[in-house]
Amino acid sequence: MVSDALDQIPDGLARQMRNVAVLAADRHPDEPDLLGLYEGIALTERDSTYSFVLPDRITIYRDAILDVCADEDEVVHEVLVTVVHEVAHHFGLDDQELHELGWG
C-alpha cells in the first residue's frame, strides 16, 4: 500500500525527491500512536554544504494505522494520507501548512 501511495505522487514531484528512503515498520517505539514520521533535512533547508549525508527516512507505521481504521478502504486511504503528509515534510511543508491544505 505504501508503494501504491507513492505511485500516486505526481511524477514532477516524485522526480524531485532526493536522498530519501521510504520504509514501513510495525510501530514507533516511543510513540506507538504515530502513523508516520519524516526524519531528515527538508529540500528547502538543504544548501551547498549538503553532501555525504545519509538518506532522509520516511517511516509509515502499519499497526498504528490499522488501529485507527475500521476496514481495508480506510487503511488504503490513511496510508495515502500519511505518505503524502510525510513526503510533504520532505518538501519543507510543516504540519500547519498541511492542515490548511487538508492533509493534516
N, C-alpha and C. Protein backbone atom coordinates (compact mmCIF):
# COMPACT_ATOMS: atom_id res chain seq x y z
N MET A 1 0.81 -1.19 0.00
CA MET A 1 0.00 0.00 0.00
C MET A 1 0.86 1.26 0.00
N VAL A 2 1.98 1.22 0.69
CA VAL A 2 2.89 2.37 0.71
C VAL A 2 3.42 2.62 -0.70
N SER A 3 3.80 1.58 -1.38
CA SER A 3 4.28 1.70 -2.75
C SER A 3 3.20 2.27 -3.66
N ASP A 4 1.97 1.78 -3.50
CA ASP A 4 0.85 2.29 -4.29
C ASP A 4 0.61 3.77 -4.00
N ALA A 5 0.74 4.16 -2.74
CA ALA A 5 0.56 5.58 -2.38
C ALA A 5 1.66 6.43 -3.01
N LEU A 6 2.89 5.94 -2.99
CA LEU A 6 3.98 6.68 -3.62
C LEU A 6 3.75 6.83 -5.13
N ASP A 7 3.16 5.82 -5.74
CA ASP A 7 2.86 5.89 -7.18
C ASP A 7 1.83 6.97 -7.50
N GLN A 8 1.08 7.41 -6.52
CA GLN A 8 0.06 8.44 -6.74
C GLN A 8 0.63 9.86 -6.64
N ILE A 9 1.86 9.97 -6.21
CA ILE A 9 2.51 11.28 -6.16
C ILE A 9 2.82 11.69 -7.60
N PRO A 10 2.44 12.91 -7.99
CA PRO A 10 2.69 13.34 -9.36
C PRO A 10 4.17 13.17 -9.75
N ASP A 11 4.39 12.75 -11.00
CA ASP A 11 5.75 12.47 -11.47
C ASP A 11 6.69 13.64 -11.26
N GLY A 12 6.22 14.86 -11.48
CA GLY A 12 7.07 16.04 -11.32
C GLY A 12 7.61 16.16 -9.90
N LEU A 13 6.77 15.85 -8.92
CA LEU A 13 7.22 15.89 -7.52
C LEU A 13 8.09 14.68 -7.19
N ALA A 14 7.68 13.52 -7.65
CA ALA A 14 8.43 12.30 -7.35
C ALA A 14 9.87 12.40 -7.87
N ARG A 15 10.04 13.01 -9.04
CA ARG A 15 11.39 13.15 -9.59
C ARG A 15 12.25 14.11 -8.76
N GLN A 16 11.61 14.97 -7.98
CA GLN A 16 12.37 15.93 -7.17
C GLN A 16 12.73 15.38 -5.79
N MET A 17 12.20 14.24 -5.44
CA MET A 17 12.56 13.64 -4.15
C MET A 17 14.02 13.20 -4.23
N ARG A 18 14.81 13.69 -3.31
CA ARG A 18 16.25 13.43 -3.33
C ARG A 18 16.72 12.83 -2.01
N ASN A 19 17.46 11.73 -2.13
CA ASN A 19 18.12 11.14 -0.98
C ASN A 19 17.14 10.85 0.16
N VAL A 20 16.08 10.11 -0.18
CA VAL A 20 15.08 9.76 0.82
C VAL A 20 14.67 8.30 0.64
N ALA A 21 14.61 7.58 1.75
CA ALA A 21 14.16 6.19 1.76
C ALA A 21 12.80 6.13 2.44
N VAL A 22 11.91 5.34 1.87
CA VAL A 22 10.58 5.17 2.46
C VAL A 22 10.48 3.75 2.98
N LEU A 23 10.14 3.65 4.27
CA LEU A 23 10.13 2.36 4.96
C LEU A 23 8.77 2.12 5.61
N ALA A 24 8.50 0.88 5.91
CA ALA A 24 7.32 0.52 6.70
C ALA A 24 7.82 -0.22 7.94
N ALA A 25 7.18 0.07 9.07
CA ALA A 25 7.51 -0.60 10.33
C ALA A 25 6.21 -0.86 11.07
N ASP A 26 6.27 -1.71 12.07
CA ASP A 26 5.06 -2.03 12.82
C ASP A 26 4.56 -0.84 13.63
N ARG A 27 5.46 -0.26 14.42
CA ARG A 27 5.04 0.80 15.35
C ARG A 27 6.27 1.58 15.78
N HIS A 28 6.11 2.88 16.03
CA HIS A 28 7.21 3.69 16.55
C HIS A 28 7.46 3.26 18.00
N PRO A 29 8.71 3.02 18.38
CA PRO A 29 8.98 2.50 19.72
C PRO A 29 8.62 3.46 20.86
N ASP A 30 8.73 4.76 20.63
CA ASP A 30 8.46 5.73 21.70
C ASP A 30 7.09 6.37 21.60
N GLU A 31 6.52 6.40 20.42
CA GLU A 31 5.19 7.00 20.20
C GLU A 31 4.33 5.99 19.44
N PRO A 32 3.74 5.05 20.14
CA PRO A 32 3.04 3.95 19.48
C PRO A 32 1.83 4.36 18.64
N ASP A 33 1.30 5.56 18.84
CA ASP A 33 0.14 6.02 18.07
C ASP A 33 0.54 6.80 16.82
N LEU A 34 1.83 7.01 16.62
CA LEU A 34 2.32 7.76 15.47
C LEU A 34 2.09 6.97 14.19
N LEU A 35 1.47 7.63 13.19
CA LEU A 35 1.16 6.95 11.93
C LEU A 35 2.32 6.99 10.94
N GLY A 36 3.08 8.08 10.97
CA GLY A 36 4.21 8.21 10.06
C GLY A 36 5.20 9.21 10.61
N LEU A 37 6.44 9.15 10.09
CA LEU A 37 7.48 10.04 10.59
C LEU A 37 8.46 10.35 9.47
N TYR A 38 8.76 11.65 9.31
CA TYR A 38 9.82 12.08 8.40
C TYR A 38 11.01 12.47 9.25
N GLU A 39 12.17 11.91 8.93
CA GLU A 39 13.42 12.25 9.62
C GLU A 39 14.44 12.64 8.56
N GLY A 40 14.92 13.86 8.65
CA GLY A 40 15.93 14.28 7.69
C GLY A 40 16.01 15.77 7.56
N ILE A 41 16.59 16.19 6.46
CA ILE A 41 16.75 17.61 6.15
C ILE A 41 15.88 17.90 4.93
N ALA A 42 14.85 18.70 5.14
CA ALA A 42 13.91 19.01 4.06
C ALA A 42 14.65 19.66 2.88
N LEU A 43 14.12 19.45 1.70
CA LEU A 43 14.73 20.02 0.50
C LEU A 43 14.90 21.53 0.61
N THR A 44 13.97 22.18 1.26
CA THR A 44 14.03 23.65 1.40
C THR A 44 15.12 24.10 2.35
N GLU A 45 15.69 23.20 3.13
CA GLU A 45 16.73 23.55 4.10
C GLU A 45 18.14 23.12 3.64
N ARG A 46 18.20 22.45 2.51
CA ARG A 46 19.50 21.99 2.01
C ARG A 46 20.20 23.13 1.28
N ASP A 47 21.50 23.21 1.49
CA ASP A 47 22.28 24.25 0.82
C ASP A 47 23.54 23.62 0.23
N SER A 48 24.49 24.43 -0.12
CA SER A 48 25.70 23.93 -0.79
C SER A 48 26.55 23.04 0.11
N THR A 49 26.31 23.05 1.42
CA THR A 49 27.08 22.19 2.33
C THR A 49 26.45 20.80 2.47
N TYR A 50 25.30 20.59 1.83
CA TYR A 50 24.61 19.30 1.92
C TYR A 50 25.31 18.29 1.01
N SER A 51 26.08 17.39 1.62
CA SER A 51 26.72 16.32 0.85
C SER A 51 27.15 15.22 1.83
N PHE A 52 27.30 14.04 1.30
CA PHE A 52 27.71 12.87 2.09
C PHE A 52 26.83 12.68 3.32
N VAL A 53 25.53 12.82 3.11
CA VAL A 53 24.55 12.70 4.19
C VAL A 53 23.76 11.42 3.98
N LEU A 54 23.50 10.71 5.05
CA LEU A 54 22.65 9.52 4.95
C LEU A 54 21.27 9.94 4.44
N PRO A 55 20.58 9.03 3.77
CA PRO A 55 19.26 9.38 3.24
C PRO A 55 18.28 9.79 4.34
N ASP A 56 17.41 10.74 4.00
CA ASP A 56 16.27 11.02 4.86
C ASP A 56 15.44 9.75 4.94
N ARG A 57 14.61 9.66 6.00
CA ARG A 57 13.76 8.48 6.14
C ARG A 57 12.33 8.90 6.35
N ILE A 58 11.45 8.27 5.62
CA ILE A 58 10.02 8.35 5.87
C ILE A 58 9.60 6.96 6.32
N THR A 59 9.04 6.88 7.51
CA THR A 59 8.58 5.59 8.02
C THR A 59 7.07 5.64 8.20
N ILE A 60 6.40 4.64 7.67
CA ILE A 60 4.96 4.50 7.82
C ILE A 60 4.72 3.36 8.80
N TYR A 61 3.92 3.63 9.84
CA TYR A 61 3.73 2.66 10.92
C TYR A 61 2.42 1.88 10.74
N ARG A 62 2.58 0.68 10.28
CA ARG A 62 1.49 -0.23 9.91
C ARG A 62 0.48 -0.45 11.05
N ASP A 63 0.92 -0.87 12.21
CA ASP A 63 -0.01 -1.22 13.28
C ASP A 63 -0.77 0.00 13.80
N ALA A 64 -0.12 1.16 13.84
CA ALA A 64 -0.82 2.37 14.29
C ALA A 64 -1.91 2.74 13.30
N ILE A 65 -1.65 2.57 12.01
CA ILE A 65 -2.68 2.86 11.00
C ILE A 65 -3.83 1.87 11.13
N LEU A 66 -3.51 0.61 11.32
CA LEU A 66 -4.57 -0.40 11.49
C LEU A 66 -5.43 -0.09 12.72
N ASP A 67 -4.82 0.47 13.76
CA ASP A 67 -5.56 0.81 14.98
C ASP A 67 -6.65 1.85 14.75
N VAL A 68 -6.42 2.78 13.80
CA VAL A 68 -7.37 3.89 13.61
C VAL A 68 -8.34 3.66 12.45
N CYS A 69 -8.24 2.51 11.80
CA CYS A 69 -9.08 2.25 10.63
C CYS A 69 -10.03 1.09 10.90
N ALA A 70 -11.25 1.23 10.37
CA ALA A 70 -12.27 0.21 10.59
C ALA A 70 -12.28 -0.88 9.52
N ASP A 71 -11.79 -0.54 8.30
CA ASP A 71 -11.83 -1.53 7.23
C ASP A 71 -10.70 -1.26 6.23
N GLU A 72 -10.60 -2.12 5.25
CA GLU A 72 -9.49 -2.02 4.29
C GLU A 72 -9.51 -0.71 3.51
N ASP A 73 -10.70 -0.24 3.14
CA ASP A 73 -10.77 1.03 2.41
C ASP A 73 -10.20 2.18 3.23
N GLU A 74 -10.50 2.20 4.51
CA GLU A 74 -9.95 3.23 5.40
C GLU A 74 -8.43 3.09 5.50
N VAL A 75 -7.93 1.87 5.55
CA VAL A 75 -6.49 1.65 5.63
C VAL A 75 -5.81 2.20 4.38
N VAL A 76 -6.34 1.89 3.21
CA VAL A 76 -5.77 2.39 1.96
C VAL A 76 -5.75 3.91 1.95
N HIS A 77 -6.86 4.52 2.37
CA HIS A 77 -6.94 5.99 2.42
C HIS A 77 -5.94 6.57 3.42
N GLU A 78 -5.87 5.99 4.61
CA GLU A 78 -4.97 6.51 5.64
C GLU A 78 -3.51 6.35 5.24
N VAL A 79 -3.16 5.27 4.59
CA VAL A 79 -1.79 5.09 4.12
C VAL A 79 -1.47 6.19 3.11
N LEU A 80 -2.38 6.47 2.18
CA LEU A 80 -2.16 7.53 1.21
C LEU A 80 -1.98 8.88 1.90
N VAL A 81 -2.87 9.22 2.81
CA VAL A 81 -2.79 10.49 3.52
C VAL A 81 -1.47 10.58 4.29
N THR A 82 -1.08 9.51 4.95
CA THR A 82 0.15 9.52 5.75
C THR A 82 1.38 9.65 4.86
N VAL A 83 1.41 8.93 3.76
CA VAL A 83 2.54 9.03 2.84
C VAL A 83 2.65 10.45 2.29
N VAL A 84 1.53 11.00 1.82
CA VAL A 84 1.54 12.37 1.28
C VAL A 84 2.00 13.35 2.35
N HIS A 85 1.52 13.19 3.57
CA HIS A 85 1.89 14.06 4.69
C HIS A 85 3.41 14.04 4.92
N GLU A 86 3.98 12.85 4.97
CA GLU A 86 5.41 12.74 5.25
C GLU A 86 6.26 13.20 4.06
N VAL A 87 5.83 12.92 2.85
CA VAL A 87 6.53 13.41 1.66
C VAL A 87 6.50 14.93 1.64
N ALA A 88 5.39 15.51 2.04
CA ALA A 88 5.29 16.98 2.10
C ALA A 88 6.31 17.55 3.07
N HIS A 89 6.58 16.87 4.18
CA HIS A 89 7.63 17.32 5.10
C HIS A 89 8.99 17.31 4.40
N HIS A 90 9.22 16.31 3.55
CA HIS A 90 10.47 16.25 2.78
C HIS A 90 10.61 17.48 1.89
N PHE A 91 9.48 18.00 1.41
CA PHE A 91 9.47 19.19 0.56
C PHE A 91 9.42 20.48 1.37
N GLY A 92 9.43 20.37 2.71
CA GLY A 92 9.53 21.56 3.55
C GLY A 92 8.23 22.08 4.11
N LEU A 93 7.11 21.42 3.87
CA LEU A 93 5.85 21.87 4.45
C LEU A 93 5.75 21.43 5.90
N ASP A 94 5.25 22.30 6.76
CA ASP A 94 5.08 21.93 8.17
C ASP A 94 3.64 21.48 8.42
N ASP A 95 3.37 21.03 9.64
CA ASP A 95 2.05 20.50 9.98
C ASP A 95 0.94 21.52 9.79
N GLN A 96 1.18 22.79 10.13
CA GLN A 96 0.17 23.83 9.97
C GLN A 96 -0.19 24.00 8.50
N GLU A 97 0.81 24.06 7.64
CA GLU A 97 0.56 24.21 6.19
C GLU A 97 -0.20 23.00 5.65
N LEU A 98 0.16 21.82 6.11
CA LEU A 98 -0.53 20.62 5.67
C LEU A 98 -1.98 20.61 6.13
N HIS A 99 -2.21 21.05 7.35
CA HIS A 99 -3.57 21.14 7.88
C HIS A 99 -4.41 22.09 7.03
N GLU A 100 -3.83 23.24 6.70
CA GLU A 100 -4.54 24.21 5.88
C GLU A 100 -4.86 23.68 4.50
N LEU A 101 -4.02 22.80 3.98
CA LEU A 101 -4.24 22.19 2.66
C LEU A 101 -5.15 20.95 2.72
N GLY A 102 -5.56 20.57 3.93
CA GLY A 102 -6.44 19.42 4.08
C GLY A 102 -5.73 18.08 4.22
N TRP A 103 -4.43 18.11 4.44
CA TRP A 103 -3.66 16.89 4.62
C TRP A 103 -3.15 16.75 6.05
N GLY A 104 -3.75 17.44 6.99
CA GLY A 104 -3.31 17.41 8.38
C GLY A 104 -3.60 16.15 9.02
